[in-house]
Amino acid sequence: LTEEPIDIIKSGRFNHVPLITGYTSREGMLFELIKLGQKEAS
């Protein structure tokens, strides 16, 4: 990787193959769970 990802995306210089992407509605829960695992306060 020699360029910023956003610049690659804007330039179109990436692998042009079908892509599916998505996320879930409350993924932010994981960040709080990590803090609990690290015994840190939110």
All heavy atoms as atom14 arrays in JSON, in Angstrom:
{
  "sequence": "LTEEPIDIIKSGRFNHVPLITGYTSREGMLFELIKLGQKEAS",
  "atom14_mask": [
    [1, 1, 1, 1, 1, 1, 1, 1, 0, 0, 0, 0, 0, 0],
    [1, 1, 1, 1, 1, 1, 1, 0, 0, 0, 0, 0, 0, 0],
    [1, 1, 1, 1, 1, 1, 1, 1, 1, 0, 0, 0, 0, 0],
    [1, 1, 1, 1, 1, 1, 1, 1, 1, 0, 0, 0, 0, 0],
    [1, 1, 1, 1, 1, 1, 1, 0, 0, 0, 0, 0, 0, 0],
    [1, 1, 1, 1, 1, 1, 1, 1, 0, 0, 0, 0, 0, 0],
    [1, 1, 1, 1, 1, 1, 1, 1, 0, 0, 0, 0, 0, 0],
    [1, 1, 1, 1, 1, 1, 1, 1, 0, 0, 0, 0, 0, 0],
    [1, 1, 1, 1, 1, 1, 1, 1, 0, 0, 0, 0, 0, 0],
    [1, 1, 1, 1, 1, 1, 1, 1, 1, 0, 0, 0, 0, 0],
    [1, 1, 1, 1, 1, 1, 0, 0, 0, 0, 0, 0, 0, 0],
    [1, 1, 1, 1, 0, 0, 0, 0, 0, 0, 0, 0, 0, 0],
    [1, 1, 1, 1, 1, 1, 1, 1, 1, 1, 1, 0, 0, 0],
    [1, 1, 1, 1, 1, 1, 1, 1, 1, 1, 1, 0, 0, 0],
    [1, 1, 1, 1, 1, 1, 1, 1, 0, 0, 0, 0, 0, 0],
    [1, 1, 1, 1, 1, 1, 1, 1, 1, 1, 0, 0, 0, 0],
    [1, 1, 1, 1, 1, 1, 1, 0, 0, 0, 0, 0, 0, 0],
    [1, 1, 1, 1, 1, 1, 1, 0, 0, 0, 0, 0, 0, 0],
    [1, 1, 1, 1, 1, 1, 1, 1, 0, 0, 0, 0, 0, 0],
    [1, 1, 1, 1, 1, 1, 1, 1, 0, 0, 0, 0, 0, 0],
    [1, 1, 1, 1, 1, 1, 1, 0, 0, 0, 0, 0, 0, 0],
    [1, 1, 1, 1, 0, 0, 0, 0, 0, 0, 0, 0, 0, 0],
    [1, 1, 1, 1, 1, 1, 1, 1, 1, 1, 1, 1, 0, 0],
    [1, 1, 1, 1, 1, 1, 1, 0, 0, 0, 0, 0, 0, 0],
    [1, 1, 1, 1, 1, 1, 0, 0, 0, 0, 0, 0, 0, 0],
    [1, 1, 1, 1, 1, 1, 1, 1, 1, 1, 1, 0, 0, 0],
    [1, 1, 1, 1, 1, 1, 1, 1, 1, 0, 0, 0, 0, 0],
    [1, 1, 1, 1, 0, 0, 0, 0, 0, 0, 0, 0, 0, 0],
    [1, 1, 1, 1, 1, 1, 1, 1, 0, 0, 0, 0, 0, 0],
    [1, 1, 1, 1, 1, 1, 1, 1, 0, 0, 0, 0, 0, 0],
    [1, 1, 1, 1, 1, 1, 1, 1, 1, 1, 1, 0, 0, 0],
    [1, 1, 1, 1, 1, 1, 1, 1, 1, 0, 0, 0, 0, 0],
    [1, 1, 1, 1, 1, 1, 1, 1, 0, 0, 0, 0, 0, 0],
    [1, 1, 1, 1, 1, 1, 1, 1, 0, 0, 0, 0, 0, 0],
    [1, 1, 1, 1, 1, 1, 1, 1, 1, 0, 0, 0, 0, 0],
    [1, 1, 1, 1, 1, 1, 1, 1, 0, 0, 0, 0, 0, 0],
    [1, 1, 1, 1, 0, 0, 0, 0, 0, 0, 0, 0, 0, 0],
    [1, 1, 1, 1, 1, 1, 1, 1, 1, 0, 0, 0, 0, 0],
    [1, 1, 1, 1, 1, 1, 1, 1, 1, 0, 0, 0, 0, 0],
    [1, 1, 1, 1, 1, 1, 1, 1, 1, 0, 0, 0, 0, 0],
    [1, 1, 1, 1, 1, 0, 0, 0, 0, 0, 0, 0, 0, 0],
    [1, 1, 1, 1, 1, 1, 0, 0, 0, 0, 0, 0, 0, 0]
  ],
  "atom14_positions": [
    [[0.85, -1.19, 0.0], [0.0, 0.0, 0.0], [0.88, 1.24, 0.0], [1.63, 1.47, 0.94], [-0.9, -0.01, 1.24], [-1.96, 1.09, 1.34], [-3.08, 0.82, 0.34], [-2.51, 1.18, 2.75], [0.0, 0.0, 0.0], [0.0, 0.0, 0.0], [0.0, 0.0, 0.0], [0.0, 0.0, 0.0], [0.0, 0.0, 0.0], [0.0, 0.0, 0.0]],
    [[0.81, 2.03, -1.05], [1.67, 3.22, -1.16], [0.86, 4.5, -1.3], [1.45, 5.58, -1.45], [2.61, 3.08, -2.36], [1.85, 2.91, -3.57], [3.54, 1.88, -2.21], [0.0, 0.0, 0.0], [0.0, 0.0, 0.0], [0.0, 0.0, 0.0], [0.0, 0.0, 0.0], [0.0, 0.0, 0.0], [0.0, 0.0, 0.0], [0.0, 0.0, 0.0]],
    [[-0.46, 4.41, -1.26], [-1.33, 5.58, -1.32], [-2.39, 5.47, -0.23], [-2.73, 4.38, 0.22], [-2.04, 5.68, -2.67], [-1.16, 5.83, -3.87], [-2.0, 5.87, -5.14], [-2.57, 6.93, -5.44], [-2.1, 4.83, -5.82], [0.0, 0.0, 0.0], [0.0, 0.0, 0.0], [0.0, 0.0, 0.0], [0.0, 0.0, 0.0], [0.0, 0.0, 0.0]],
    [[-2.93, 6.62, 0.17], [-4.04, 6.61, 1.1], [-5.23, 5.88, 0.47], [-5.54, 6.08, -0.71], [-4.45, 8.03, 1.46], [-3.49, 8.74, 2.39], [-3.5, 8.15, 3.79], [-4.51, 7.5, 4.16], [-2.5, 8.35, 4.52], [0.0, 0.0, 0.0], [0.0, 0.0, 0.0], [0.0, 0.0, 0.0], [0.0, 0.0, 0.0], [0.0, 0.0, 0.0]],
    [[-5.9, 5.02, 1.23], [-7.05, 4.29, 0.69], [-8.09, 5.19, 0.03], [-8.63, 4.85, -1.03], [-7.61, 3.57, 1.92], [-6.41, 3.33, 2.77], [-5.55, 4.56, 2.59], [0.0, 0.0, 0.0], [0.0, 0.0, 0.0], [0.0, 0.0, 0.0], [0.0, 0.0, 0.0], [0.0, 0.0, 0.0], [0.0, 0.0, 0.0], [0.0, 0.0, 0.0]],
    [[-8.38, 6.34, 0.64], [-9.4, 7.21, 0.05], [-8.96, 7.73, -1.31], [-9.78, 7.89, -2.23], [-9.73, 8.39, 1.01], [-10.94, 9.17, 0.49], [-8.55, 9.29, 1.22], [-12.22, 8.37, 0.42], [0.0, 0.0, 0.0], [0.0, 0.0, 0.0], [0.0, 0.0, 0.0], [0.0, 0.0, 0.0], [0.0, 0.0, 0.0], [0.0, 0.0, 0.0]],
    [[-7.66, 7.95, -1.49], [-7.16, 8.42, -2.79], [-7.25, 7.32, -3.84], [-7.54, 7.59, -5.01], [-5.72, 8.91, -2.65], [-5.59, 10.17, -1.8], [-6.58, 10.92, -1.74], [-4.53, 10.37, -1.2], [0.0, 0.0, 0.0], [0.0, 0.0, 0.0], [0.0, 0.0, 0.0], [0.0, 0.0, 0.0], [0.0, 0.0, 0.0], [0.0, 0.0, 0.0]],
    [[-7.0, 6.08, -3.43], [-7.14, 4.96, -4.36], [-8.59, 4.82, -4.79], [-8.89, 4.62, -5.98], [-6.65, 3.66, -3.7], [-5.16, 3.75, -3.35], [-6.88, 2.46, -4.62], [-4.64, 2.59, -2.54], [0.0, 0.0, 0.0], [0.0, 0.0, 0.0], [0.0, 0.0, 0.0], [0.0, 0.0, 0.0], [0.0, 0.0, 0.0], [0.0, 0.0, 0.0]],
    [[-9.5, 4.95, -3.85], [-10.92, 4.83, -4.16], [-11.35, 5.93, -5.13], [-12.04, 5.67, -6.13], [-11.75, 4.88, -2.87], [-11.48, 3.65, -2.01], [-13.24, 5.0, -3.18], [-12.05, 3.72, -0.62], [0.0, 0.0, 0.0], [0.0, 0.0, 0.0], [0.0, 0.0, 0.0], [0.0, 0.0, 0.0], [0.0, 0.0, 0.0], [0.0, 0.0, 0.0]],
    [[-10.94, 7.17, -4.84], [-11.34, 8.28, -5.71], [-10.76, 8.16, -7.11], [-11.39, 8.56, -8.09], [-10.89, 9.6, -5.07], [-11.69, 10.01, -3.84], [-11.16, 11.32, -3.25], [-11.99, 11.77, -2.07], [-11.47, 13.03, -1.47], [0.0, 0.0, 0.0], [0.0, 0.0, 0.0], [0.0, 0.0, 0.0], [0.0, 0.0, 0.0], [0.0, 0.0, 0.0]],
    [[-9.55, 7.59, -7.2], [-8.89, 7.48, -8.51], [-9.41, 6.31, -9.33], [-9.22, 6.27, -10.55], [-7.39, 7.31, -8.31], [-7.09, 6.02, -7.78], [0.0, 0.0, 0.0], [0.0, 0.0, 0.0], [0.0, 0.0, 0.0], [0.0, 0.0, 0.0], [0.0, 0.0, 0.0], [0.0, 0.0, 0.0], [0.0, 0.0, 0.0], [0.0, 0.0, 0.0]],
    [[-10.04, 5.34, -8.67], [-10.52, 4.16, -9.38], [-9.45, 3.11, -9.6], [-9.68, 2.12, -10.3], [0.0, 0.0, 0.0], [0.0, 0.0, 0.0], [0.0, 0.0, 0.0], [0.0, 0.0, 0.0], [0.0, 0.0, 0.0], [0.0, 0.0, 0.0], [0.0, 0.0, 0.0], [0.0, 0.0, 0.0], [0.0, 0.0, 0.0], [0.0, 0.0, 0.0]],
    [[-8.28, 3.29, -8.98], [-7.18, 2.34, -9.19], [-7.25, 1.2, -8.17], [-6.38, 1.04, -7.33], [-5.84, 3.06, -9.08], [-5.58, 4.08, -10.18], [-4.14, 4.59, -10.14], [-3.82, 5.23, -8.87], [-4.04, 6.52, -8.6], [-4.59, 7.29, -9.53], [-3.72, 7.03, -7.42], [0.0, 0.0, 0.0], [0.0, 0.0, 0.0], [0.0, 0.0, 0.0]],
    [[-8.32, 0.43, -8.24], [-8.46, -0.71, -7.35], [-8.95, -1.9, -8.17], [-9.17, -1.78, -9.38], [-9.44, -0.4, -6.2], [-10.75, 0.2, -6.65], [-11.78, -0.6, -7.13], [-10.95, 1.58, -6.59], [-12.98, -0.05, -7.54], [-12.15, 2.14, -6.99], [-13.17, 1.33, -7.46], [0.0, 0.0, 0.0], [0.0, 0.0, 0.0], [0.0, 0.0, 0.0]],
    [[-9.1, -3.03, -7.54], [-9.54, -4.23, -8.24], [-11.04, -4.14, -8.51], [-11.84, -4.14, -7.58], [-9.23, -5.47, -7.39], [-7.76, -5.74, -7.29], [-7.13, -6.22, -8.23], [-7.16, -5.43, -6.14], [0.0, 0.0, 0.0], [0.0, 0.0, 0.0], [0.0, 0.0, 0.0], [0.0, 0.0, 0.0], [0.0, 0.0, 0.0], [0.0, 0.0, 0.0]],
    [[-11.39, -4.07, -9.76], [-12.79, -3.9, -10.13], [-13.48, -5.26, -10.2], [-13.7, -5.82, -11.28], [-12.9, -3.12, -11.44], [-12.56, -1.68, -11.29], [-13.49, -0.7, -11.06], [-11.35, -1.05, -11.29], [-12.89, 0.49, -10.95], [-11.58, 0.29, -11.09], [0.0, 0.0, 0.0], [0.0, 0.0, 0.0], [0.0, 0.0, 0.0], [0.0, 0.0, 0.0]],
    [[-13.82, -5.77, -9.02], [-14.56, -7.02, -8.91], [-15.76, -6.76, -8.03], [-15.79, -5.77, -7.28], [-13.68, -8.15, -8.32], [-12.46, -8.4, -9.2], [-13.25, -7.82, -6.89], [0.0, 0.0, 0.0], [0.0, 0.0, 0.0], [0.0, 0.0, 0.0], [0.0, 0.0, 0.0], [0.0, 0.0, 0.0], [0.0, 0.0, 0.0], [0.0, 0.0, 0.0]],
    [[-16.79, -7.61, -8.09], [-17.98, -7.39, -7.25], [-17.62, -7.34, -5.77], [-16.83, -8.15, -5.27], [-18.86, -8.6, -7.57], [-18.44, -9.01, -8.95], [-16.97, -8.74, -9.01], [0.0, 0.0, 0.0], [0.0, 0.0, 0.0], [0.0, 0.0, 0.0], [0.0, 0.0, 0.0], [0.0, 0.0, 0.0], [0.0, 0.0, 0.0], [0.0, 0.0, 0.0]],
    [[-18.22, -6.38, -5.05], [-17.94, -6.16, -3.63], [-19.25, -6.01, -2.87], [-20.13, -5.24, -3.26], [-17.09, -4.9, -3.46], [-16.85, -4.41, -2.03], [-15.91, -5.36, -1.3], [-16.31, -2.99, -2.02], [0.0, 0.0, 0.0], [0.0, 0.0, 0.0], [0.0, 0.0, 0.0], [0.0, 0.0, 0.0], [0.0, 0.0, 0.0], [0.0, 0.0, 0.0]],
    [[-19.38, -6.76, -1.77], [-20.49, -6.58, -0.82], [-19.9, -6.05, 0.47], [-18.89, -6.58, 0.96], [-21.22, -7.91, -0.54], [-21.85, -8.46, -1.82], [-22.28, -7.72, 0.54], [-22.46, -9.84, -1.63], [0.0, 0.0, 0.0], [0.0, 0.0, 0.0], [0.0, 0.0, 0.0], [0.0, 0.0, 0.0], [0.0, 0.0, 0.0], [0.0, 0.0, 0.0]],
    [[-20.49, -5.01, 1.04], [-20.0, -4.47, 2.31], [-21.17, -4.08, 3.19], [-22.24, -3.71, 2.69], [-19.07, -3.26, 2.07], [-18.54, -2.82, 3.31], [-19.8, -2.13, 1.39], [0.0, 0.0, 0.0], [0.0, 0.0, 0.0], [0.0, 0.0, 0.0], [0.0, 0.0, 0.0], [0.0, 0.0, 0.0], [0.0, 0.0, 0.0], [0.0, 0.0, 0.0]],
    [[-20.99, -4.18, 4.5], [-22.05, -3.79, 5.41], [-21.61, -3.86, 6.86], [-20.51, -4.34, 7.17], [0.0, 0.0, 0.0], [0.0, 0.0, 0.0], [0.0, 0.0, 0.0], [0.0, 0.0, 0.0], [0.0, 0.0, 0.0], [0.0, 0.0, 0.0], [0.0, 0.0, 0.0], [0.0, 0.0, 0.0], [0.0, 0.0, 0.0], [0.0, 0.0, 0.0]],
    [[-22.45, -3.34, 7.74], [-22.17, -3.38, 9.17], [-23.49, -3.51, 9.91], [-24.57, -3.34, 9.33], [-21.4, -2.13, 9.62], [-22.15, -0.82, 9.45], [-22.87, -0.27, 10.5], [-22.14, -0.13, 8.23], [-23.56, 0.92, 10.36], [-22.83, 1.05, 8.07], [-23.53, 1.57, 9.13], [-24.22, 2.75, 8.99], [0.0, 0.0, 0.0], [0.0, 0.0, 0.0]],
    [[-23.42, -3.81, 11.2], [-24.62, -3.99, 12.0], [-24.98, -2.7, 12.74], [-24.17, -1.78, 12.84], [-24.46, -5.14, 13.0], [-23.38, -4.83, 13.87], [-24.17, -6.44, 12.29], [0.0, 0.0, 0.0], [0.0, 0.0, 0.0], [0.0, 0.0, 0.0], [0.0, 0.0, 0.0], [0.0, 0.0, 0.0], [0.0, 0.0, 0.0], [0.0, 0.0, 0.0]],
    [[-26.18, -2.66, 13.29], [-26.72, -1.4, 13.78], [-26.11, -0.93, 15.1], [-26.19, 0.24, 15.42], [-28.24, -1.53, 13.95], [-28.54, -2.55, 14.9], [0.0, 0.0, 0.0], [0.0, 0.0, 0.0], [0.0, 0.0, 0.0], [0.0, 0.0, 0.0], [0.0, 0.0, 0.0], [0.0, 0.0, 0.0], [0.0, 0.0, 0.0], [0.0, 0.0, 0.0]],
    [[-25.52, -1.81, 15.88], [-24.98, -1.41, 17.18], [-23.56, -1.95, 17.36], [-23.2, -2.46, 18.41], [-25.87, -1.92, 18.32], [-27.2, -1.17, 18.44], [-26.99, 0.29, 18.83], [-28.23, 1.0, 19.07], [-28.9, 1.64, 18.14], [-28.45, 1.67, 16.89], [-30.02, 2.28, 18.43], [0.0, 0.0, 0.0], [0.0, 0.0, 0.0], [0.0, 0.0, 0.0]],
    [[-22.75, -1.8, 16.33], [-21.38, -2.28, 16.42], [-20.56, -1.53, 17.47], [-19.55, -2.03, 17.96], [-20.68, -2.18, 15.07], [-21.24, -3.18, 14.09], [-20.41, -3.31, 12.83], [-19.55, -2.46, 12.59], [-20.63, -4.27, 12.09], [0.0, 0.0, 0.0], [0.0, 0.0, 0.0], [0.0, 0.0, 0.0], [0.0, 0.0, 0.0], [0.0, 0.0, 0.0]],
    [[-21.02, -0.34, 17.84], [-20.32, 0.42, 18.85], [-20.27, -0.27, 20.2], [-19.43, 0.06, 21.05], [0.0, 0.0, 0.0], [0.0, 0.0, 0.0], [0.0, 0.0, 0.0], [0.0, 0.0, 0.0], [0.0, 0.0, 0.0], [0.0, 0.0, 0.0], [0.0, 0.0, 0.0], [0.0, 0.0, 0.0], [0.0, 0.0, 0.0], [0.0, 0.0, 0.0]],
    [[-21.14, -1.27, 20.41], [-21.09, -2.05, 21.64], [-19.71, -2.67, 21.83], [-19.22, -2.81, 22.96], [-22.15, -3.16, 21.61], [-23.57, -2.69, 21.64], [-24.75, -4.04, 21.38], [-24.48, -4.98, 22.88], [0.0, 0.0, 0.0], [0.0, 0.0, 0.0], [0.0, 0.0, 0.0], [0.0, 0.0, 0.0], [0.0, 0.0, 0.0], [0.0, 0.0, 0.0]],
    [[-19.08, -3.08, 20.73], [-17.79, -3.75, 20.81], [-16.74, -2.87, 21.45], [-15.9, -3.34, 22.23], [-17.34, -4.19, 19.41], [-15.98, -4.88, 19.34], [-16.0, -6.16, 20.16], [-15.6, -5.17, 17.9], [0.0, 0.0, 0.0], [0.0, 0.0, 0.0], [0.0, 0.0, 0.0], [0.0, 0.0, 0.0], [0.0, 0.0, 0.0], [0.0, 0.0, 0.0]],
    [[-16.76, -1.58, 21.15], [-15.77, -0.67, 21.71], [-15.89, -0.61, 23.23], [-14.88, -0.55, 23.94], [-15.93, 0.72, 21.11], [-15.58, 0.77, 19.64], [-16.54, 0.55, 18.67], [-14.28, 1.04, 19.24], [-16.21, 0.59, 17.33], [-13.95, 1.08, 17.9], [-14.92, 0.85, 16.94], [0.0, 0.0, 0.0], [0.0, 0.0, 0.0], [0.0, 0.0, 0.0]],
    [[-17.12, -0.62, 23.73], [-17.31, -0.6, 25.18], [-16.91, -1.94, 25.81], [-16.36, -1.98, 26.91], [-18.77, -0.28, 25.5], [-19.2, 1.1, 25.01], [-18.27, 2.2, 25.49], [-18.15, 2.38, 26.72], [-17.64, 2.87, 24.64], [0.0, 0.0, 0.0], [0.0, 0.0, 0.0], [0.0, 0.0, 0.0], [0.0, 0.0, 0.0], [0.0, 0.0, 0.0]],
    [[-17.15, -3.04, 25.09], [-16.74, -4.34, 25.59], [-15.22, -4.45, 25.68], [-14.68, -5.04, 26.61], [-17.3, -5.45, 24.7], [-18.8, -5.7, 24.79], [-19.24, -6.7, 23.73], [-19.17, -6.2, 26.18], [0.0, 0.0, 0.0], [0.0, 0.0, 0.0], [0.0, 0.0, 0.0], [0.0, 0.0, 0.0], [0.0, 0.0, 0.0], [0.0, 0.0, 0.0]],
    [[-14.53, -3.85, 24.7], [-13.07, -3.84, 24.73], [-12.58, -3.11, 25.97], [-11.67, -3.56, 26.67], [-12.51, -3.19, 23.46], [-12.74, -4.12, 22.25], [-11.03, -2.87, 23.6], [-12.42, -3.49, 20.93], [0.0, 0.0, 0.0], [0.0, 0.0, 0.0], [0.0, 0.0, 0.0], [0.0, 0.0, 0.0], [0.0, 0.0, 0.0], [0.0, 0.0, 0.0]],
    [[-13.2, -1.99, 26.28], [-12.8, -1.23, 27.46], [-13.05, -2.02, 28.74], [-12.24, -2.0, 29.67], [-13.53, 0.12, 27.49], [-13.05, 1.09, 26.42], [-13.75, 2.42, 26.54], [-13.26, 3.37, 25.46], [-11.84, 3.68, 25.63], [0.0, 0.0, 0.0], [0.0, 0.0, 0.0], [0.0, 0.0, 0.0], [0.0, 0.0, 0.0], [0.0, 0.0, 0.0]],
    [[-14.17, -2.73, 28.78], [-14.44, -3.56, 29.95], [-13.4, -4.65, 30.09], [-12.92, -4.95, 31.18], [-15.85, -4.16, 29.84], [-17.02, -3.2, 30.03], [-18.33, -3.92, 29.75], [-17.02, -2.64, 31.45], [0.0, 0.0, 0.0], [0.0, 0.0, 0.0], [0.0, 0.0, 0.0], [0.0, 0.0, 0.0], [0.0, 0.0, 0.0], [0.0, 0.0, 0.0]],
    [[-13.02, -5.26, 28.95], [-12.0, -6.29, 28.97], [-10.65, -5.76, 29.41], [-9.84, -6.47, 30.01], [0.0, 0.0, 0.0], [0.0, 0.0, 0.0], [0.0, 0.0, 0.0], [0.0, 0.0, 0.0], [0.0, 0.0, 0.0], [0.0, 0.0, 0.0], [0.0, 0.0, 0.0], [0.0, 0.0, 0.0], [0.0, 0.0, 0.0], [0.0, 0.0, 0.0]],
    [[-10.39, -4.49, 29.1], [-9.14, -3.85, 29.51], [-9.25, -3.21, 30.88], [-8.33, -2.56, 31.35], [-8.74, -2.79, 28.48], [-8.43, -3.37, 27.11], [-8.21, -2.29, 26.07], [-8.59, -1.13, 26.25], [-7.6, -2.65, 24.96], [0.0, 0.0, 0.0], [0.0, 0.0, 0.0], [0.0, 0.0, 0.0], [0.0, 0.0, 0.0], [0.0, 0.0, 0.0]],
    [[-10.45, -3.42, 31.52], [-10.71, -2.86, 32.86], [-10.55, -1.35, 32.87], [-10.01, -0.76, 33.79], [-9.81, -3.53, 33.91], [-10.08, -5.01, 34.06], [-9.18, -5.63, 35.13], [-9.58, -7.06, 35.42], [-9.56, -7.94, 34.25], [0.0, 0.0, 0.0], [0.0, 0.0, 0.0], [0.0, 0.0, 0.0], [0.0, 0.0, 0.0], [0.0, 0.0, 0.0]],
    [[-11.03, -0.72, 31.78], [-11.0, 0.73, 31.69], [-12.43, 1.26, 31.77], [-13.38, 0.62, 31.34], [-10.38, 1.18, 30.36], [-8.91, 0.82, 30.21], [-8.37, 1.28, 28.88], [-9.11, 1.98, 28.15], [-7.22, 0.94, 28.55], [0.0, 0.0, 0.0], [0.0, 0.0, 0.0], [0.0, 0.0, 0.0], [0.0, 0.0, 0.0], [0.0, 0.0, 0.0]],
    [[-12.57, 2.45, 32.29], [-13.88, 3.09, 32.34], [-14.26, 3.59, 30.95], [-13.4, 3.9, 30.13], [-13.84, 4.26, 33.32], [0.0, 0.0, 0.0], [0.0, 0.0, 0.0], [0.0, 0.0, 0.0], [0.0, 0.0, 0.0], [0.0, 0.0, 0.0], [0.0, 0.0, 0.0], [0.0, 0.0, 0.0], [0.0, 0.0, 0.0], [0.0, 0.0, 0.0]],
    [[-15.55, 3.62, 30.69], [-16.01, 4.16, 29.41], [-15.6, 5.62, 29.29], [-15.76, 6.4, 30.24], [-17.53, 4.04, 29.3], [-17.92, 2.69, 29.26], [0.0, 0.0, 0.0], [0.0, 0.0, 0.0], [0.0, 0.0, 0.0], [0.0, 0.0, 0.0], [0.0, 0.0, 0.0], [0.0, 0.0, 0.0], [0.0, 0.0, 0.0], [0.0, 0.0, 0.0]]
  ]
}
